[in-house]
Protein backbone atom coordinates (compact mmCIF):
# COMPACT_ATOMS: atom_id res chain seq x y z
CA UNK A 1 -32.63 105.73 -96.79
CA UNK A 2 -28.82 106.23 -96.30
CA UNK A 3 -29.19 103.77 -93.39
CA UNK A 4 -30.37 101.16 -95.14
CA UNK A 5 -28.07 100.94 -97.89
CA UNK A 6 -24.16 101.13 -96.79
CA UNK A 7 -21.48 102.69 -98.56
CA UNK A 8 -19.00 101.41 -100.83
CA UNK A 9 -16.31 102.93 -98.21
CA UNK A 10 -17.86 101.13 -95.03
CA UNK A 11 -18.37 97.44 -97.15
CA UNK A 12 -14.61 97.93 -98.12
CA UNK A 13 -13.50 98.68 -94.58
CA UNK A 14 -15.85 96.02 -93.08
CA UNK A 15 -13.88 93.32 -95.61
CA UNK A 16 -10.87 94.12 -94.70
CA UNK A 17 -11.31 93.92 -91.51
CA UNK A 18 -13.33 90.97 -91.51
CA UNK A 19 -10.44 89.10 -93.26
CA UNK A 20 -7.66 90.17 -91.18
CA UNK A 21 -9.92 88.67 -88.37
CA UNK A 22 -10.13 85.50 -90.41
CA UNK A 23 -6.33 85.31 -90.48
CA UNK A 24 -5.92 86.02 -86.64
CA UNK A 25 -8.35 83.58 -85.68
CA UNK A 26 -6.83 81.43 -88.13
CA UNK A 27 -3.08 81.68 -86.87
CA UNK A 28 -4.08 81.92 -83.22
CA UNK A 29 -7.51 80.67 -82.17
CA UNK A 30 -8.68 78.32 -85.15
CA UNK A 31 -6.15 75.35 -84.69
CA UNK A 32 -6.83 74.84 -80.57
CA UNK A 33 -10.72 75.01 -80.96
CA UNK A 34 -9.97 72.48 -84.49
CA UNK A 35 -8.02 70.40 -81.96
CA UNK A 36 -10.62 71.03 -79.06
CA UNK A 37 -13.53 69.77 -81.36
CA UNK A 38 -11.36 66.87 -83.06
CA UNK A 39 -10.26 65.98 -79.15
CA UNK A 40 -13.81 66.41 -78.24
CA UNK A 41 -15.09 63.85 -81.18
CA UNK A 42 -12.37 61.58 -80.27
CA UNK A 43 -13.59 61.43 -76.64
CA UNK A 44 -17.20 61.12 -77.43
CA UNK A 45 -16.12 58.28 -80.11
CA UNK A 46 -13.89 56.45 -77.43
CA UNK A 47 -16.88 56.72 -75.13
CA UNK A 48 -19.30 55.14 -77.61
CA UNK A 49 -17.01 52.55 -78.37
CA UNK A 50 -16.57 52.01 -74.53
CA UNK A 51 -20.30 51.86 -73.97
CA UNK A 52 -20.60 49.33 -77.03
CA UNK A 53 -18.19 47.03 -75.71
CA UNK A 54 -19.77 47.66 -72.25
CA UNK A 55 -23.13 46.30 -73.63
CA UNK A 56 -21.59 43.53 -75.62
CA UNK A 57 -20.08 42.42 -72.17
CA UNK A 58 -23.48 42.82 -70.27
CA UNK A 59 -25.02 40.75 -72.81
CA UNK A 60 -22.41 38.17 -72.98
CA UNK A 61 -22.67 38.23 -68.98
CA UNK A 62 -26.48 37.84 -68.69
CA UNK A 63 -25.94 34.99 -71.42
CA UNK A 64 -23.31 33.39 -69.20
CA UNK A 65 -25.70 34.17 -66.04
CA UNK A 66 -28.86 32.17 -67.85
CA UNK A 67 -26.59 29.71 -68.45
CA UNK A 68 -25.33 29.25 -65.14
CA UNK A 69 -28.80 29.16 -63.74
CA UNK A 70 -30.01 26.56 -66.43
CA UNK A 71 -26.84 24.47 -65.09
CA UNK A 72 -27.55 25.06 -61.62
CA UNK A 73 -31.45 24.38 -61.91
CA UNK A 74 -30.64 21.12 -64.06
CA UNK A 75 -27.67 20.33 -60.72
CA UNK A 76 -30.66 21.14 -58.29
CA UNK A 77 -33.04 18.66 -59.84
CA UNK A 78 -30.83 15.91 -60.11
CA UNK A 79 -29.46 16.43 -56.37
CA UNK A 80 -33.42 16.41 -55.34
CA UNK A 81 -33.68 13.10 -57.46
CA UNK A 82 -30.94 11.65 -55.75
CA UNK A 83 -32.21 12.77 -52.50
CA UNK A 84 -35.58 11.09 -53.24
CA UNK A 85 -34.40 8.19 -54.22
CA UNK A 86 -31.96 7.95 -51.29
CA UNK A 87 -35.16 8.68 -48.75
CA UNK A 88 -37.08 6.29 -50.37
CA UNK A 89 -34.36 3.45 -50.57
CA UNK A 90 -33.59 3.98 -46.79
CA UNK A 91 -37.51 3.73 -45.77
CA UNK A 92 -37.86 0.66 -47.88
CA UNK A 93 -34.68 -0.66 -46.29
CA UNK A 94 -36.08 0.55 -42.82
CA UNK A 95 -39.50 -1.36 -43.62
CA UNK A 96 -37.96 -4.61 -44.07
CA UNK A 97 -35.70 -4.47 -41.21
CA UNK A 98 -38.70 -3.51 -39.30
CA UNK A 99 -40.73 -6.57 -41.03
CA UNK A 100 -37.78 -8.83 -40.35
CA UNK A 101 -37.44 -7.86 -37.12
CA UNK A 102 -41.15 -8.22 -36.34
CA UNK A 103 -41.23 -11.50 -37.83
CA UNK A 104 -38.55 -12.46 -35.73
CA UNK A 105 -40.09 -11.22 -32.33
CA UNK A 106 -43.44 -12.91 -33.47
CA UNK A 107 -41.92 -15.97 -34.34
CA UNK A 108 -39.81 -15.64 -30.44
CA UNK A 109 -42.40 -15.23 -29.04
CA UNK A 110 -44.68 -18.05 -30.53
CA UNK A 111 -41.70 -20.40 -29.68
CA UNK A 112 -41.61 -18.82 -26.15
CA UNK A 113 -45.47 -19.36 -25.79
CA UNK A 114 -45.32 -23.10 -27.42
CA UNK A 115 -42.30 -23.80 -24.37
CA UNK A 116 -44.20 -22.29 -21.49
CA UNK A 117 -47.47 -23.86 -22.81
CA UNK A 118 -45.34 -27.55 -22.83
CA UNK A 119 -43.71 -26.29 -19.43
CA UNK A 120 -47.43 -25.41 -17.96
CA UNK A 121 -48.85 -28.77 -19.39
CA UNK A 122 -45.77 -31.03 -17.80
CA UNK A 123 -46.51 -29.17 -14.75
CA UNK A 124 -50.08 -29.56 -14.88
CA UNK A 125 -49.94 -33.31 -15.59
CA UNK A 126 -46.86 -34.18 -13.07
CA UNK A 127 -48.97 -32.06 -10.18
CA UNK A 128 -52.16 -34.26 -11.52
CA UNK A 129 -49.92 -37.58 -11.17
CA UNK A 130 -48.88 -36.29 -7.85
CA UNK A 131 -52.35 -35.98 -6.81
CA UNK A 132 -53.42 -39.28 -8.21
CA UNK A 133 -50.96 -41.03 -6.15
CA UNK A 134 -51.68 -39.28 -3.10
CA UNK A 135 -55.14 -40.19 -3.79
CA UNK A 136 -54.56 -43.48 -4.61
CA UNK A 137 -52.37 -43.83 -1.71
CA UNK A 138 -55.08 -42.48 1.01
CA UNK A 139 -57.72 -44.75 -0.58
CA UNK A 140 -55.40 -47.92 -0.49
CA UNK A 141 -54.18 -47.17 2.83
CA UNK A 142 -57.47 -46.59 4.08
CA UNK A 143 -58.82 -50.02 2.11
CA UNK A 144 -56.43 -52.16 2.96
CA UNK A 145 -55.84 -51.40 6.42
CA UNK A 146 -57.20 -54.71 7.09
CA UNK A 147 -56.07 -58.04 6.31
CA UNK A 148 -58.71 -59.99 4.12
CA UNK A 149 -59.27 -56.71 2.03
CA UNK A 150 -55.78 -56.73 1.12
CA UNK A 151 -55.71 -60.81 -0.14
CA UNK A 152 -58.87 -59.74 -2.16
CA UNK A 153 -57.21 -56.31 -3.98
CA UNK A 154 -54.45 -58.78 -4.81
CA UNK A 155 -56.34 -61.71 -6.49
CA UNK A 156 -58.14 -58.90 -8.27
CA UNK A 157 -54.88 -57.29 -9.65
CA UNK A 158 -53.90 -61.19 -10.69
CA UNK A 159 -56.62 -61.81 -12.46
CA UNK A 160 -56.62 -58.61 -14.53
CA UNK A 161 -52.97 -59.01 -15.36
CA UNK A 162 -54.14 -62.32 -16.97
CA UNK A 163 -56.65 -61.02 -18.87
CA UNK A 164 -54.31 -58.10 -20.44
């Protein structure tokens, strides 16, 4: 049982060695250990603060990005709307211009057709008149070849003129 219960001398010398060890550690190692622990604690705290700041900046950047995206979408929609309106305007202007041009061409064609028709009718009348004169001339030449026929024709024309 002597092994389990220590003697008073052993306890005394162990306590003295422990106290000397504490004094030596306090003077030599305790300050550097505490300063290292304090420095480590400070660096961890600084790292946590930097992480919080980075997280706040990230949240702010995300909010800014979302705002910019919303603005870009609004601007894109406005540009697309303006482009659609411009396209519709250009198409309508082109349609109206084409309609005016088509109406002008149709009117011009109608006028040209009317003029050509009048010219053709005048030409046909001239040709009919010319043919009538030629036919009448040939008939008169044939019928008035003798003297009594000429006198008879002149008398008929005079009689008709008196009645009209």
